């Protein structure tokens, strides 16, 4: 027999000392599932990895390809919560020979002798058959009844009828007189999640704290009526005739559990509470990164505003200090240039060398687009940028083009500003 590492220490229950001593003297013939390497060991094969290829070892005498699974004794799969068995509510047309059992309430069973704190995920729990056997103390030779109705929702509920044999009728008579028969359920696992010391996980709306185990997938083989509730802390001889048998199951890897089968990862508040020192380091690093990123963004904003007006440092500093974006600074620069052009009443001499209409007639409103003239201020700026063959940045070209067009096309510039005011 082999057990997950976290549970092996809990096998040292006084009731099982003799059995464990006999097991310790055994030698196991092991074979690698992957490469077929064989070896003898006093350890359980499922606890070993192949010394040649690192594959999972299995018992060599077992047929088939073998599986990378863990095993546990069948008597470790009987569980009781101290729930009393009651008679089912009699329905019209039904005989007065029926019982109701709450086999599992969905809560956590503490301190199991092998599994630690344990719970069964109701979402992954199923009945093995459509009619579940009802036994006495998990002995297959002591048959008391069977289920006629079984349900798994927020708890596991089984209803059924007593058999006519003397043992079943004696228990029915004892219950009629008030004897508190209790329920125990046999649930072998298919897939388990191990919760280590200091860890916790959510199951059925409850928080299970490690060390412990969650049966994420499992099945109900039978339900028993017991005179005394089983003590989960002590190994017993339950599942009498099958007590030497083993059950196999898979241990889920953490990466498999977290995305879908587990609840969402802990929130930032929980992380900060559980790992305060690590959380402080992360926060400090994040702040430093944020400050560095902010400094880079501010330097980039200043450089772009400076490119708009390289000859007007006062304007650049004013726009930067006021927190203006590059687009806002560009609009403010156009407004400033327009105001300067209106005061002069003539074209800025700085632009005369670029003007071919210095002495031409004044262009009247409505003449845009005629005789090759631009229809809008934006078109004028774009055309000027295209004509600028100097090796300078695009931003610098646009700034120069804006200055040029403010002086050359005051009507188009005025319309441009009016349109912007209406949009805002």
Protein backbone atom coordinates (compact mmCIF):
# COMPACT_ATOMS: atom_id res chain seq x y z
CA UNK A 1 0.00 0.00 0.00
CA UNK A 2 1.13 3.53 -0.64
CA UNK A 3 -0.08 6.91 0.54
CA UNK A 4 0.48 10.56 -0.39
CA UNK A 5 3.44 12.02 1.48
CA UNK A 6 1.44 14.36 3.69
CA UNK A 7 -0.68 11.47 5.01
CA UNK A 8 1.94 8.80 5.61
CA UNK A 9 2.84 10.16 9.04
CA UNK A 10 -0.75 9.80 10.23
CA UNK A 11 -0.68 6.04 9.74
CA UNK A 12 1.08 5.63 13.08
CA UNK A 13 -2.17 5.13 14.88
CA UNK A 14 -1.92 2.73 17.84
CA UNK A 15 -4.62 0.51 16.35
CA UNK A 16 -2.53 -0.10 13.24
CA UNK A 17 0.97 -0.51 14.74
CA UNK A 18 1.00 -4.30 14.38
CA UNK A 19 -0.21 -4.13 10.78
CA UNK A 20 2.38 -1.51 9.89
CA UNK A 21 5.20 -3.59 11.39
CA UNK A 22 4.22 -6.51 9.18
CA UNK A 23 4.00 -4.21 6.16
CA UNK A 24 7.46 -2.78 6.89
CA UNK A 25 9.05 -6.23 6.61
CA UNK A 26 7.70 -6.77 3.10
CA UNK A 27 9.70 -6.45 -0.07
CA UNK A 28 8.00 -5.15 -3.18
CA UNK A 29 8.87 -6.06 -6.74
CA UNK A 30 8.59 -2.81 -8.66
CA UNK A 31 8.59 -2.03 -12.38
CA UNK A 32 8.83 1.32 -14.17
CA UNK A 33 5.71 2.25 -16.15
CA UNK A 34 7.81 4.07 -18.79
CA UNK A 35 11.00 2.07 -19.39
CA UNK A 36 10.24 -1.29 -17.71
CA UNK A 37 13.18 -1.13 -15.29
CA UNK A 38 12.66 -3.56 -12.39
CA UNK A 39 13.86 -3.35 -8.82
CA UNK A 40 13.09 -4.67 -5.35
CA UNK A 41 12.30 -2.27 -2.52
CA UNK A 42 10.97 -2.24 1.00
CA UNK A 43 9.06 0.94 0.05
CA UNK A 44 5.75 0.92 -1.74
CA UNK A 45 6.24 1.02 -5.51
CA UNK A 46 3.89 3.99 -5.97
CA UNK A 47 6.18 6.03 -3.67
CA UNK A 48 9.17 5.45 -5.96
CA UNK A 49 10.49 7.04 -9.12
CA UNK A 50 12.54 5.05 -11.61
CA UNK A 51 16.32 5.52 -10.98
CA UNK A 52 16.94 5.22 -14.74
CA UNK A 53 14.34 7.44 -16.39
CA UNK A 54 12.46 9.10 -13.50
CA UNK A 55 9.17 7.40 -14.42
CA UNK A 56 6.54 6.18 -11.96
CA UNK A 57 7.09 2.69 -10.50
CA UNK A 58 4.31 0.11 -10.05
CA UNK A 59 3.94 -3.37 -8.63
CA UNK A 60 5.51 -5.73 -11.20
CA UNK A 61 3.03 -8.54 -10.53
CA UNK A 62 0.04 -6.35 -11.41
CA UNK A 63 -1.18 -6.82 -15.01
CA UNK A 64 -1.70 -4.02 -17.48
CA UNK A 65 0.36 -0.91 -18.25
CA UNK A 66 -0.08 0.56 -14.81
CA UNK A 67 -1.04 4.14 -13.90
CA UNK A 68 0.64 6.95 -12.05
CA UNK A 69 -1.71 6.72 -9.07
CA UNK A 70 -1.73 6.53 -5.30
CA UNK A 71 -3.43 3.89 -3.19
CA UNK A 72 -5.06 3.75 0.22
CA UNK A 73 -6.72 0.98 2.26
CA UNK A 74 -10.43 0.61 1.70
CA UNK A 75 -11.19 1.06 5.40
CA UNK A 76 -9.79 4.61 5.12
CA UNK A 77 -12.76 5.46 2.88
CA UNK A 78 -15.57 5.12 5.45
CA UNK A 79 -16.77 8.39 6.93
CA UNK A 80 -19.32 9.37 9.56
CA UNK A 81 -20.60 12.75 10.77
CA UNK A 82 -22.78 11.54 13.62
CA UNK A 83 -26.01 11.91 11.62
CA UNK A 84 -28.91 9.89 13.03
CA UNK A 85 -31.03 7.78 10.73
CA UNK A 86 -34.75 8.47 10.70
CA UNK A 87 -37.87 6.89 9.25
CA UNK A 88 -38.95 8.39 5.95
CA UNK A 89 -42.17 10.35 5.89
CA UNK A 90 -44.89 7.93 4.87
CA UNK A 91 -46.51 8.71 1.55
CA UNK A 92 -49.94 7.59 0.46
CA UNK A 93 -49.78 4.09 -0.94
CA UNK A 94 -46.32 3.34 0.52
CA UNK A 95 -45.59 0.76 3.19
CA UNK A 96 -44.40 1.84 6.63
CA UNK A 97 -41.01 0.25 6.11
CA UNK A 98 -38.88 3.14 4.88
CA UNK A 99 -35.87 5.09 6.17
CA UNK A 100 -34.10 8.35 5.37
CA UNK A 101 -30.36 8.88 5.75
CA UNK A 102 -28.36 12.10 5.49
CA UNK A 103 -25.15 10.41 4.40
CA UNK A 104 -23.07 13.61 4.11
CA UNK A 105 -23.91 17.20 5.01
CA UNK A 106 -21.30 18.91 2.81
CA UNK A 107 -19.24 20.07 5.79
CA UNK A 108 -15.62 19.34 6.72
CA UNK A 109 -14.88 16.20 8.74
CA UNK A 110 -11.97 17.01 11.07
CA UNK A 111 -8.92 14.95 11.98
CA UNK A 112 -9.38 11.79 9.97
CA UNK A 113 -6.70 9.26 10.91
CA UNK A 114 -5.33 9.12 7.33
CA UNK A 115 -6.66 12.09 5.34
CA UNK A 116 -6.51 14.80 8.03
CA UNK A 117 -9.29 17.37 7.69
CA UNK A 118 -11.38 16.02 4.83
CA UNK A 119 -14.32 17.04 2.66
CA UNK A 120 -15.99 15.69 -0.48
CA UNK A 121 -16.64 18.14 -3.29
CA UNK A 122 -20.38 17.74 -3.93
CA UNK A 123 -19.90 18.89 -7.52
CA UNK A 124 -17.68 15.88 -8.19
CA UNK A 125 -19.52 13.31 -6.07
CA UNK A 126 -21.75 10.64 -7.64
CA UNK A 127 -23.54 7.43 -6.70
CA UNK A 128 -21.89 4.28 -7.99
CA UNK A 129 -25.25 2.72 -8.89
CA UNK A 130 -28.87 3.76 -9.29
CA UNK A 131 -29.73 1.70 -6.19
CA UNK A 132 -27.25 2.00 -3.35
CA UNK A 133 -26.80 -0.89 -0.89
CA UNK A 134 -27.57 -0.19 2.77
CA UNK A 135 -25.41 -2.36 5.06
CA UNK A 136 -24.77 -2.85 8.76
CA UNK A 137 -21.36 -1.58 9.86
CA UNK A 138 -20.07 -1.80 6.24
CA UNK A 139 -20.15 -5.61 6.18
CA UNK A 140 -21.38 -6.88 2.82
CA UNK A 141 -22.86 -10.00 4.47
CA UNK A 142 -25.15 -7.84 6.64
CA UNK A 143 -27.60 -6.40 4.15
CA UNK A 144 -30.29 -4.15 5.62
CA UNK A 145 -31.89 -2.53 2.56
CA UNK A 146 -31.38 -0.45 -0.56
CA UNK A 147 -32.13 3.04 -1.80
CA UNK A 148 -35.26 3.89 -3.73
CA UNK A 149 -34.42 7.60 -3.91
CA UNK A 150 -31.00 9.27 -3.72
CA UNK A 151 -29.98 12.86 -4.25
CA UNK A 152 -26.81 15.01 -4.19
CA UNK A 153 -27.38 18.76 -3.94
CA UNK A 154 -26.23 20.73 -0.90
CA UNK A 155 -26.06 17.40 0.96
CA UNK A 156 -26.28 13.69 0.24
CA UNK A 157 -29.71 12.22 1.07
CA UNK A 158 -30.74 8.59 0.65
CA UNK A 159 -34.22 7.14 1.13
CA UNK A 160 -34.98 3.43 0.92
CA UNK A 161 -36.72 0.41 2.37
CA UNK A 162 -35.75 -2.23 4.90
CA UNK A 163 -35.33 -5.81 3.75
CA UNK A 164 -37.42 -8.52 5.39
CA UNK A 165 -34.46 -10.42 6.86
CA UNK A 166 -34.20 -10.67 10.68
CA UNK A 167 -31.21 -8.31 10.96
CA UNK A 168 -32.95 -5.53 9.05
CA UNK A 169 -36.21 -5.96 10.91
CA UNK A 170 -34.38 -5.98 14.26
CA UNK A 171 -32.74 -2.63 13.48
CA UNK A 172 -36.10 -1.26 12.34
CA UNK A 173 -37.64 -2.41 15.64
CA UNK A 174 -34.78 -0.84 17.61
CA UNK A 175 -35.25 2.47 15.81
CA UNK A 176 -39.01 2.32 16.48
CA UNK A 177 -38.21 2.09 20.19
CA UNK A 178 -35.91 5.11 19.88
CA UNK A 179 -32.44 3.65 19.42
CA UNK A 180 -30.26 6.32 17.65
CA UNK A 181 -28.75 4.46 14.73
CA UNK A 182 -26.13 6.55 12.96
CA UNK A 183 -24.97 6.71 9.36
CA UNK A 184 -21.58 6.04 7.81
CA UNK A 185 -20.79 6.23 4.11
CA UNK A 186 -18.19 4.44 1.98
CA UNK A 187 -16.68 6.94 -0.51
CA UNK A 188 -13.62 5.84 -2.49
CA UNK A 189 -11.82 8.76 -4.18
CA UNK A 190 -11.03 9.14 -7.88
CA UNK A 191 -9.13 12.45 -7.72
CA UNK A 192 -7.88 14.12 -4.56
CA UNK A 193 -6.41 17.51 -3.78
CA UNK A 194 -3.87 17.57 -0.99
CA UNK A 195 -3.92 20.63 1.28
CA UNK A 196 -0.60 21.06 3.05
CA UNK A 197 0.07 22.57 6.47
CA UNK A 198 -0.59 26.32 6.30
CA UNK A 199 -2.62 26.07 3.08
CA UNK A 200 -6.40 26.32 2.67
CA UNK A 201 -8.97 25.65 -0.03
CA UNK A 202 -12.68 26.19 -0.64
CA UNK A 203 -15.11 23.28 -0.89
CA UNK A 204 -18.93 23.30 -0.72
CA UNK A 205 -18.87 26.88 0.60
CA UNK A 206 -16.52 26.00 3.47
CA UNK A 207 -12.82 26.68 4.01
CA UNK A 208 -10.67 23.62 4.63
CA UNK A 209 -7.36 24.30 6.37
CA UNK A 210 -4.42 21.96 5.92
CA UNK A 211 -3.13 19.49 6.58
CA UNK A 212 -6.05 17.80 4.88
CA UNK A 213 -7.59 16.40 1.74
CA UNK A 214 -10.44 17.20 -0.63
CA UNK A 215 -11.96 14.44 -2.72
CA UNK A 216 -12.57 16.48 -5.88
CA UNK A 217 -14.03 13.46 -7.66
CA UNK A 218 -15.39 10.44 -5.80
CA UNK A 219 -18.25 7.95 -5.75
CA UNK A 220 -20.56 6.47 -3.13
CA UNK A 221 -20.40 2.68 -3.03
CA UNK A 222 -22.65 2.00 -0.02
CA UNK A 223 -24.18 3.55 3.09
CA UNK A 224 -24.22 1.81 6.45
CA UNK A 225 -26.26 1.93 9.62
CA UNK A 226 -24.05 1.85 12.70
CA UNK A 227 -24.86 1.43 16.36
CA UNK A 228 -22.05 3.82 17.28
CA UNK A 229 -20.73 6.65 15.17
CA UNK A 230 -17.25 6.00 13.81
CA UNK A 231 -14.34 7.92 15.34
CA UNK A 232 -12.58 9.49 12.36
CA UNK A 233 -9.37 9.87 14.39
CA UNK A 234 -8.91 6.12 14.88
CA UNK A 235 -8.27 3.44 12.28
CA UNK A 236 -10.95 0.76 12.39
CA UNK A 237 -11.77 -2.59 10.82
CA UNK A 238 -14.73 -1.20 8.92
CA UNK A 239 -15.44 -2.67 5.49
CA UNK A 240 -14.95 -6.01 7.21
CA UNK A 241 -14.53 -8.54 4.45
CA UNK A 242 -12.68 -6.05 2.23
CA UNK A 243 -10.40 -4.49 4.84
CA UNK A 244 -7.24 -5.72 3.10
CA UNK A 245 -8.28 -4.24 -0.26
CA UNK A 246 -6.96 -0.99 -1.63
CA UNK A 247 -8.48 1.84 -3.63
CA UNK A 248 -6.59 3.80 -6.28
CA UNK A 249 -6.85 7.50 -7.01
CA UNK A 250 -5.03 10.35 -8.74
CA UNK A 251 -3.49 13.27 -6.87
CA UNK A 252 -4.27 16.50 -8.67
CA UNK A 253 -1.38 18.78 -9.50
CA UNK A 254 -1.75 22.38 -8.32
CA UNK A 255 -1.56 23.81 -11.83
CA UNK A 256 -4.49 21.59 -12.83
CA UNK A 257 -6.56 22.64 -9.87
CA UNK A 258 -6.17 26.40 -9.87
CA UNK A 259 -7.65 27.52 -13.22
CA UNK A 260 -11.01 25.67 -13.16
CA UNK A 261 -11.53 23.27 -10.27
CA UNK A 262 -10.32 25.51 -7.50
CA UNK A 263 -11.93 28.79 -6.46
CA UNK A 264 -10.33 32.03 -7.63
CA UNK A 265 -6.92 32.92 -6.27
CA UNK A 266 -6.75 34.89 -3.04
CA UNK A 267 -7.54 38.59 -3.25
CA UNK A 268 -4.91 41.27 -2.75
CA UNK A 269 -6.22 41.89 0.76
CA UNK A 270 -5.82 38.22 1.71
CA UNK A 271 -2.35 38.13 0.18
CA UNK A 272 -1.32 41.21 2.13
CA UNK A 273 -2.64 39.68 5.37
CA UNK A 274 -0.96 36.31 4.83
CA UNK A 275 2.37 37.60 3.45
CA UNK A 276 2.85 41.15 4.81
CA UNK A 277 6.62 41.34 4.23
CA UNK A 278 6.44 40.09 0.63
CA UNK A 279 3.47 42.36 -0.05
CA UNK A 280 5.45 45.37 1.23
CA UNK A 281 8.38 44.57 -1.08
CA UNK A 282 6.05 44.22 -4.08
CA UNK A 283 4.25 47.50 -3.32
CA UNK A 284 7.55 49.38 -2.91
CA UNK A 285 8.85 48.01 -6.21
CA UNK A 286 5.59 48.89 -7.97
CA UNK A 287 5.72 52.45 -6.67
CA UNK A 288 9.32 52.85 -7.84
CA UNK A 289 8.42 51.51 -11.29
CA UNK A 290 5.40 53.80 -11.43
CA UNK A 291 7.50 56.84 -10.53
CA UNK A 292 10.11 56.00 -13.17
CA UNK A 293 7.41 55.54 -15.80
CA UNK A 294 5.82 58.85 -14.79
CA UNK A 295 9.13 60.66 -15.08
CA UNK A 296 9.67 59.24 -18.57
CA UNK A 297 6.19 60.36 -19.67
CA UNK A 298 6.69 63.90 -18.31
CA UNK A 299 10.06 64.28 -20.03
CA UNK A 300 8.52 63.16 -23.31
CA UNK A 301 5.67 65.69 -22.91
CA UNK A 302 8.13 68.54 -22.22
CA UNK A 303 10.30 67.63 -25.23
CA UNK A 304 7.30 67.62 -27.60
CA UNK A 305 6.01 70.99 -26.34
CA UNK A 306 9.52 72.38 -26.73
CA UNK A 307 9.58 71.21 -30.36
CA UNK A 308 6.40 73.25 -31.01
CA UNK A 309 7.99 76.52 -29.91
CA UNK A 310 11.79 76.16 -29.67
CA UNK A 311 12.26 79.94 -29.81
CA UNK A 312 9.71 80.72 -27.10
CA UNK A 313 10.96 79.13 -23.82
CA UNK A 314 8.52 81.16 -21.73
CA UNK A 315 5.58 79.64 -23.64
CA UNK A 316 7.04 76.12 -23.29
CA UNK A 317 7.52 76.45 -19.53
CA UNK A 318 4.05 77.93 -19.07
CA UNK A 319 2.32 75.12 -20.97
CA UNK A 320 4.33 72.40 -19.23
CA UNK A 321 3.77 73.85 -15.75
CA UNK A 322 0.02 74.11 -16.38
CA UNK A 323 -0.08 70.40 -17.25
CA UNK A 324 -1.15 70.98 -20.84
CA UNK A 325 -1.05 68.04 -23.22
CA UNK A 326 0.86 68.35 -26.50
CA UNK A 327 -2.40 68.87 -28.43
CA UNK A 328 -3.57 71.55 -25.99
CA UNK A 329 -0.22 73.33 -26.23
CA UNK A 330 -0.45 73.22 -30.03
CA UNK A 331 -3.91 74.88 -29.96
CA UNK A 332 -2.67 77.52 -27.51
CA UNK A 333 0.33 78.24 -29.75
CA UNK A 334 -1.93 78.77 -32.78
CA UNK A 335 -4.08 81.18 -30.75
CA UNK A 336 -1.01 83.09 -29.64
CA UNK A 337 0.33 83.35 -33.19
CA UNK A 338 -3.06 84.56 -34.47
CA UNK A 339 -3.17 87.30 -31.84
CA UNK A 340 0.31 88.45 -32.87
CA UNK A 341 -0.63 88.48 -36.55
CA UNK A 342 -3.74 90.56 -35.89
CA UNK A 343 -1.74 93.23 -34.11
CA UNK A 344 0.79 93.67 -36.94
CA UNK A 345 -1.63 94.37 -39.83
CA UNK A 346 0.93 92.96 -42.24
CA UNK A 347 2.74 89.74 -43.02
CA UNK A 348 5.58 88.89 -40.68
CA UNK A 349 8.83 89.74 -42.51
CA UNK A 350 10.21 86.43 -41.26
CA UNK A 351 7.87 84.70 -43.70
CA UNK A 352 8.22 87.05 -46.67
CA UNK A 353 10.73 84.88 -48.46
CA UNK A 354 8.17 82.07 -48.52
CA UNK A 355 5.23 84.16 -49.71
CA UNK A 356 4.33 84.50 -53.37
CA UNK A 357 1.32 86.76 -52.71
CA UNK A 358 2.85 89.49 -50.58
CA UNK A 359 1.59 92.25 -52.91
CA UNK A 360 -1.38 90.39 -54.32
CA UNK A 361 -5.02 91.23 -53.73
CA UNK A 362 -6.53 90.29 -50.37
CA UNK A 363 -8.29 86.94 -50.52
CA UNK A 364 -11.94 87.28 -49.68
CA UNK A 365 -14.09 84.82 -47.76
CA UNK A 366 -15.58 82.19 -50.01
CA UNK A 367 -12.58 82.13 -52.39
CA UNK A 368 -10.97 79.10 -50.69
CA UNK A 369 -10.19 76.30 -53.08
CA UNK A 370 -10.04 78.59 -56.12
CA UNK A 371 -6.96 79.11 -58.25
CA UNK A 372 -5.08 76.34 -56.45
CA UNK A 373 -5.58 77.85 -52.97
CA UNK A 374 -6.23 75.49 -50.01
CA UNK A 375 -9.82 75.12 -48.86
CA UNK A 376 -9.07 74.79 -45.15
CA UNK A 377 -6.39 75.78 -42.68
CA UNK A 378 -5.47 72.12 -42.14
CA UNK A 379 -4.93 71.66 -45.89
CA UNK A 380 -2.74 74.76 -45.94
CA UNK A 381 -0.60 73.42 -43.08
CA UNK A 382 -0.26 70.00 -44.70
CA UNK A 383 0.71 71.56 -48.03
CA UNK A 384 3.34 73.73 -46.31
CA UNK A 385 4.78 70.68 -44.48
CA UNK A 386 5.09 68.89 -47.82
CA UNK A 387 6.98 71.82 -49.31
CA UNK A 388 9.44 71.97 -46.39
CA UNK A 389 12.47 69.94 -47.47
CA UNK A 390 14.64 70.72 -44.43
CA UNK A 391 16.04 67.82 -42.42
CA UNK A 392 14.15 68.47 -39.18
CA UNK A 393 11.61 66.57 -37.12
CA UNK A 394 7.96 66.30 -38.21
CA UNK A 395 6.89 68.23 -35.12
CA UNK A 396 9.29 71.08 -35.95
CA UNK A 397 8.06 71.17 -39.57
CA UNK A 398 4.45 71.38 -38.41
CA UNK A 399 5.21 74.20 -35.97
CA UNK A 400 6.95 76.19 -38.73
CA UNK A 401 4.09 75.45 -41.12
CA UNK A 402 1.52 76.67 -38.61
CA UNK A 403 3.41 79.96 -38.12
CA UNK A 404 3.68 80.44 -41.87
CA UNK A 405 -0.01 79.71 -42.57
CA UNK A 406 -1.26 81.95 -39.75
CA UNK A 407 0.34 84.89 -41.55
CA UNK A 408 -0.49 83.81 -45.08
CA UNK A 409 -4.09 82.59 -44.59
CA UNK A 410 -5.62 84.62 -41.73
CA UNK A 411 -9.18 83.99 -42.98
CA UNK A 412 -8.68 80.20 -43.05
CA UNK A 413 -7.04 80.38 -39.64
CA UNK A 414 -9.93 82.37 -38.20
CA UNK A 415 -12.43 79.83 -39.54
CA UNK A 416 -10.31 77.02 -38.07
CA UNK A 417 -10.46 78.59 -34.59
CA UNK A 418 -14.19 79.24 -34.83
CA UNK A 419 -14.86 75.63 -35.80
CA UNK A 420 -12.81 74.41 -32.82
CA UNK A 421 -14.72 76.68 -30.45
CA UNK A 422 -18.04 75.32 -31.72
CA UNK A 423 -16.84 71.72 -31.30
CA UNK A 424 -15.75 72.34 -27.74
